[in-house]
Amino acid sequence: MPSKTTSRTSASKRKTAASTSKASRPTKKTQQSPALIAFYPIVVLALVMWVLYRSLLQSFPVWFDESIGKAIFFGFPVWLYIVMSRSKSIVDTFSARKLYPGLFLGLAAGGMFGFATSILVLLQTGAQVLPVALFSSEVFWGEFILAILTGFWETLLFFSFIMTVIMEKYPKWSVVSQAALTASIFLIFHIPNMLTQVGAGDVLLFIPYLMVMFLFGLGQAFLFYARRNAYALVLSHAIWGMVLLTHTW
């Protein structure tokens, strides 16, 4: 029969081997992929290109901005990230099965956003509500097509790409934190447009404009978190944009 000393020595060796084995195992904390690490540089690159474009090249027509311009400055960074990460979650937000539910949801959400914005504009300006035959106007439908293009490119960049990656990069964050960060990035990208339309010197108009843009981005972020449906956001963005446009015509 082996002695107690031998048994204790064997038990000690087994504990040492077990601890060594545990130490050699990979920890539960996984390292971020190169694509996730490159997320912020890609976003900053898109922002810098957009700011330079809006500040130095203002002679292009609106249709060029909303189609070719945003395809380059908003679409290219998303394509670059998808190529680097081979992400399917971004592409899935535009899945064909989500088209019809997204259109109905976008119509409802866009109507609510537009109604709330109209009330705020009326309270701020004291304007009156007058009947206008918008749908019979050729200008209206041309602007609506541009609004759809705007909604598509901005949904692709800010929500299908940026918010999707934020949810993957910070899975322990609350939905409020994820949505707030997305809305903040959305707001930062829109500051160049606001400076050209309102002007930083007019504080009484600039600050409310900032608040409206942030709240809209926040609402879109919550909608995206709930459904992951890009079509809903494209349509709601287009309707909301048309409401803003009708108040500036």
Protein backbone atom coordinates (compact mmCIF):
# COMPACT_ATOMS: atom_id res chain seq x y z
CA MET A 1 0.00 0.00 0.00
CA PRO A 2 1.45 3.43 -0.94
CA SER A 3 2.27 5.79 1.85
CA LYS A 4 0.31 8.96 2.64
CA THR A 5 3.27 11.05 1.48
CA THR A 6 3.17 9.39 -1.95
CA SER A 7 -0.61 9.93 -2.23
CA ARG A 8 -0.30 13.60 -1.33
CA THR A 9 2.51 14.06 -3.84
CA SER A 10 0.43 12.45 -6.60
CA ALA A 11 -2.59 14.60 -5.72
CA SER A 12 -0.41 17.71 -5.77
CA LYS A 13 0.92 16.80 -9.21
CA ARG A 14 -2.61 16.28 -10.53
CA LYS A 15 -3.70 19.71 -9.22
CA THR A 16 -0.64 21.33 -10.79
CA ALA A 17 -1.34 19.64 -14.13
CA ALA A 18 -5.01 20.68 -13.98
CA SER A 19 -4.14 24.29 -13.22
CA THR A 20 -1.59 24.29 -16.05
CA SER A 21 -4.23 22.91 -18.42
CA LYS A 22 -6.71 25.62 -17.41
CA ALA A 23 -4.10 28.29 -17.86
CA SER A 24 -3.34 27.08 -21.38
CA ARG A 25 -7.00 27.20 -22.40
CA PRO A 26 -8.22 30.31 -24.23
CA THR A 27 -10.21 32.69 -22.10
CA LYS A 28 -13.87 33.39 -22.75
CA LYS A 29 -13.05 36.94 -23.77
CA THR A 30 -12.64 36.79 -27.52
CA GLN A 31 -10.57 39.20 -29.50
CA GLN A 32 -12.34 41.52 -31.92
CA SER A 33 -11.99 40.79 -35.60
CA PRO A 34 -9.93 43.12 -37.80
CA ALA A 35 -13.17 44.35 -39.38
CA LEU A 36 -14.58 45.43 -36.01
CA ILE A 37 -11.30 47.16 -35.20
CA ALA A 38 -11.49 49.00 -38.53
CA PHE A 39 -15.08 50.10 -37.87
CA TYR A 40 -14.34 53.54 -36.45
CA PRO A 41 -11.62 54.39 -39.02
CA ILE A 42 -14.08 53.55 -41.80
CA VAL A 43 -16.78 55.74 -40.23
CA VAL A 44 -14.31 58.61 -39.76
CA LEU A 45 -13.14 58.21 -43.39
CA ALA A 46 -16.74 58.47 -44.59
CA LEU A 47 -17.32 61.55 -42.42
CA VAL A 48 -14.18 63.32 -43.63
CA MET A 49 -14.99 62.62 -47.29
CA TRP A 50 -18.57 63.82 -46.81
CA VAL A 51 -17.55 67.03 -45.01
CA LEU A 52 -14.99 67.85 -47.71
CA TYR A 53 -17.53 67.15 -50.42
CA ARG A 54 -20.23 69.31 -48.80
CA SER A 55 -17.85 72.18 -48.01
CA LEU A 56 -15.76 72.29 -51.19
CA LEU A 57 -18.10 71.00 -53.89
CA GLN A 58 -21.46 72.70 -53.42
CA SER A 59 -22.15 73.35 -57.09
CA PHE A 60 -23.59 69.91 -57.83
CA PRO A 61 -27.38 69.59 -58.09
CA VAL A 62 -29.44 67.88 -55.41
CA TRP A 63 -30.11 64.82 -57.55
CA PHE A 64 -26.35 64.26 -57.85
CA ASP A 65 -25.87 64.56 -54.07
CA GLU A 66 -28.62 62.08 -53.26
CA SER A 67 -27.70 59.51 -55.90
CA ILE A 68 -24.10 59.49 -57.07
CA GLY A 69 -22.61 61.52 -54.20
CA LYS A 70 -24.06 59.39 -51.43
CA ALA A 71 -23.38 56.21 -53.38
CA ILE A 72 -19.70 57.13 -53.22
CA PHE A 73 -19.43 58.60 -49.73
CA PHE A 74 -22.03 56.44 -47.96
CA GLY A 75 -22.18 53.29 -50.07
CA PHE A 76 -18.45 52.72 -50.59
CA PRO A 77 -17.53 52.55 -46.85
CA VAL A 78 -20.30 49.99 -46.29
CA TRP A 79 -19.11 47.92 -49.24
CA LEU A 80 -15.55 48.10 -47.92
CA TYR A 81 -16.61 46.83 -44.49
CA ILE A 82 -18.70 44.00 -45.96
CA VAL A 83 -15.73 42.88 -48.07
CA MET A 84 -13.45 42.97 -45.00
CA SER A 85 -15.84 41.26 -42.60
CA ARG A 86 -17.93 39.12 -44.96
CA SER A 87 -20.82 40.24 -42.81
CA LYS A 88 -24.23 38.81 -43.66
CA SER A 89 -26.07 40.73 -40.95
CA ILE A 90 -25.78 44.01 -42.88
CA VAL A 91 -27.08 42.51 -46.13
CA ASP A 92 -29.87 40.70 -44.27
CA THR A 93 -31.48 44.00 -43.28
CA PHE A 94 -32.43 44.35 -46.97
CA SER A 95 -33.63 40.77 -47.33
CA ALA A 96 -36.48 40.34 -49.84
CA ARG A 97 -38.70 38.69 -47.23
CA LYS A 98 -38.70 41.94 -45.26
CA LEU A 99 -39.93 44.11 -48.12
CA TYR A 100 -43.72 44.09 -47.63
CA PRO A 101 -43.71 44.17 -43.81
CA GLY A 102 -41.12 46.93 -44.00
CA LEU A 103 -43.20 49.08 -46.35
CA PHE A 104 -46.26 48.94 -44.09
CA LEU A 105 -44.18 49.58 -40.99
CA GLY A 106 -42.33 52.44 -42.69
CA LEU A 107 -45.59 54.03 -43.78
CA ALA A 108 -46.87 53.98 -40.19
CA ALA A 109 -43.60 55.13 -38.62
CA GLY A 110 -43.04 57.83 -41.24
CA GLY A 111 -46.54 59.13 -40.65
CA MET A 112 -45.92 59.40 -36.92
CA PHE A 113 -42.53 61.07 -37.40
CA GLY A 114 -43.99 63.45 -39.94
CA PHE A 115 -46.99 64.35 -37.77
CA ALA A 116 -44.79 65.04 -34.74
CA THR A 117 -42.44 67.17 -36.83
CA SER A 118 -45.34 69.13 -38.31
CA ILE A 119 -46.67 69.92 -34.84
CA LEU A 120 -43.23 71.12 -33.71
CA VAL A 121 -42.84 73.33 -36.79
CA LEU A 122 -46.30 74.82 -36.35
CA LEU A 123 -45.67 75.55 -32.68
CA GLN A 124 -42.31 77.15 -33.46
CA THR A 125 -43.35 79.26 -36.44
CA GLY A 126 -47.02 79.86 -35.65
CA ALA A 127 -47.93 79.00 -39.24
CA GLN A 128 -51.38 77.85 -40.33
CA VAL A 129 -52.35 74.53 -41.87
CA LEU A 130 -53.62 75.02 -45.41
CA PRO A 131 -54.87 72.42 -47.92
CA VAL A 132 -52.40 71.86 -50.74
CA ALA A 133 -52.71 69.43 -53.67
CA LEU A 134 -49.26 67.95 -53.19
CA PHE A 135 -49.89 64.63 -54.90
CA SER A 136 -50.95 66.29 -58.14
CA SER A 137 -47.70 68.23 -58.36
CA GLU A 138 -44.92 66.96 -60.62
CA VAL A 139 -42.41 68.64 -58.33
CA PHE A 140 -43.70 66.59 -55.40
CA TRP A 141 -43.09 63.23 -57.05
CA GLY A 142 -39.66 64.24 -58.25
CA GLU A 143 -38.74 65.27 -54.73
CA PHE A 144 -40.23 62.04 -53.37
CA ILE A 145 -37.94 59.96 -55.58
CA LEU A 146 -34.97 61.94 -54.26
CA ALA A 147 -36.29 61.38 -50.71
CA ILE A 148 -36.36 57.62 -51.33
CA LEU A 149 -32.74 57.74 -52.53
CA THR A 150 -31.79 59.76 -49.45
CA GLY A 151 -33.57 57.30 -47.19
CA PHE A 152 -31.87 54.33 -48.86
CA TRP A 153 -28.28 55.58 -48.60
CA GLU A 154 -28.68 56.96 -45.09
CA THR A 155 -30.40 53.81 -43.84
CA LEU A 156 -27.64 51.72 -45.39
CA LEU A 157 -24.87 53.73 -43.71
CA PHE A 158 -26.28 54.71 -40.32
CA PHE A 159 -28.44 51.73 -39.42
CA SER A 160 -27.79 48.67 -41.60
CA PHE A 161 -24.04 49.28 -41.20
CA ILE A 162 -23.24 51.49 -38.21
CA MET A 163 -25.95 50.36 -35.80
CA THR A 164 -25.56 46.70 -36.75
CA VAL A 165 -21.82 46.87 -36.02
CA ILE A 166 -22.43 48.81 -32.78
CA MET A 167 -24.74 46.03 -31.60
CA GLU A 168 -22.10 43.44 -32.47
CA LYS A 169 -19.23 45.47 -31.02
CA TYR A 170 -20.99 46.36 -27.76
CA PRO A 171 -23.42 43.48 -27.07
CA LYS A 172 -23.57 44.25 -23.34
CA TRP A 173 -24.73 47.82 -23.89
CA SER A 174 -28.38 48.68 -23.36
CA VAL A 175 -30.52 49.46 -26.39
CA VAL A 176 -30.67 53.09 -25.22
CA SER A 177 -26.87 53.38 -25.31
CA GLN A 178 -26.61 51.69 -28.70
CA ALA A 179 -29.37 53.88 -30.15
CA ALA A 180 -27.91 57.06 -28.63
CA LEU A 181 -24.48 56.40 -30.15
CA THR A 182 -26.05 55.69 -33.54
CA ALA A 183 -28.18 58.85 -33.35
CA SER A 184 -25.12 60.90 -32.37
CA ILE A 185 -23.20 59.69 -35.43
CA PHE A 186 -26.30 60.39 -37.54
CA LEU A 187 -26.39 63.93 -36.16
CA ILE A 188 -22.66 64.59 -36.72
CA PHE A 189 -22.95 63.62 -40.39
CA HIS A 190 -25.86 66.05 -40.83
CA ILE A 191 -24.14 69.09 -39.27
CA PRO A 192 -22.53 70.16 -42.61
CA ASN A 193 -25.99 70.21 -44.22
CA MET A 194 -27.43 72.15 -41.31
CA LEU A 195 -24.65 74.73 -41.50
CA THR A 196 -25.39 75.40 -45.17
CA GLN A 197 -29.18 75.51 -44.69
CA VAL A 198 -29.52 77.25 -41.32
CA GLY A 199 -26.12 78.66 -40.37
CA ALA A 200 -24.38 78.30 -37.04
CA GLY A 201 -24.86 82.00 -36.30
CA ASP A 202 -28.64 81.65 -36.10
CA VAL A 203 -28.73 79.85 -32.74
CA LEU A 204 -32.51 80.08 -32.42
CA LEU A 205 -32.89 77.91 -35.52
CA PHE A 206 -29.70 75.84 -35.34
CA ILE A 207 -30.26 74.33 -31.88
CA PRO A 208 -33.85 73.19 -32.54
CA TYR A 209 -32.63 71.75 -35.85
CA LEU A 210 -30.00 69.75 -33.97
CA MET A 211 -32.59 68.46 -31.51
CA VAL A 212 -35.00 67.42 -34.26
CA MET A 213 -32.28 65.57 -36.18
CA PHE A 214 -31.08 63.75 -33.06
CA LEU A 215 -34.59 62.74 -32.01
CA PHE A 216 -35.35 61.48 -35.51
CA GLY A 217 -32.12 59.48 -35.56
CA LEU A 218 -32.99 58.08 -32.13
CA GLY A 219 -36.46 57.06 -33.28
CA GLN A 220 -35.05 55.38 -36.37
CA ALA A 221 -32.49 53.56 -34.23
CA PHE A 222 -35.20 52.15 -31.93
CA LEU A 223 -37.23 51.11 -34.97
CA PHE A 224 -34.22 49.36 -36.46
CA TYR A 225 -33.41 47.63 -33.16
CA ALA A 226 -36.94 46.28 -32.95
CA ARG A 227 -37.27 44.93 -36.51
CA ARG A 228 -33.86 44.99 -38.28
CA ASN A 229 -35.84 45.99 -41.35
CA ALA A 230 -34.11 48.51 -43.61
CA TYR A 231 -37.14 48.98 -45.87
CA ALA A 232 -39.15 50.39 -42.97
CA LEU A 233 -36.45 52.96 -42.27
CA VAL A 234 -36.05 53.93 -45.93
CA LEU A 235 -39.75 54.73 -46.27
CA SER A 236 -40.12 56.41 -42.89
CA HIS A 237 -37.07 58.56 -43.68
CA ALA A 238 -38.51 59.53 -47.07
CA ILE A 239 -41.90 60.50 -45.61
CA TRP A 240 -40.28 62.47 -42.80
CA GLY A 241 -38.03 64.25 -45.29
CA MET A 242 -41.01 65.19 -47.45
CA VAL A 243 -42.78 66.64 -44.41
CA LEU A 244 -39.75 68.83 -43.72
CA LEU A 245 -39.63 69.83 -47.37
CA THR A 246 -43.29 70.87 -47.49
CA HIS A 247 -42.69 73.24 -44.59
CA THR A 248 -39.82 74.92 -46.44
CA TRP A 249 -41.43 75.27 -49.88
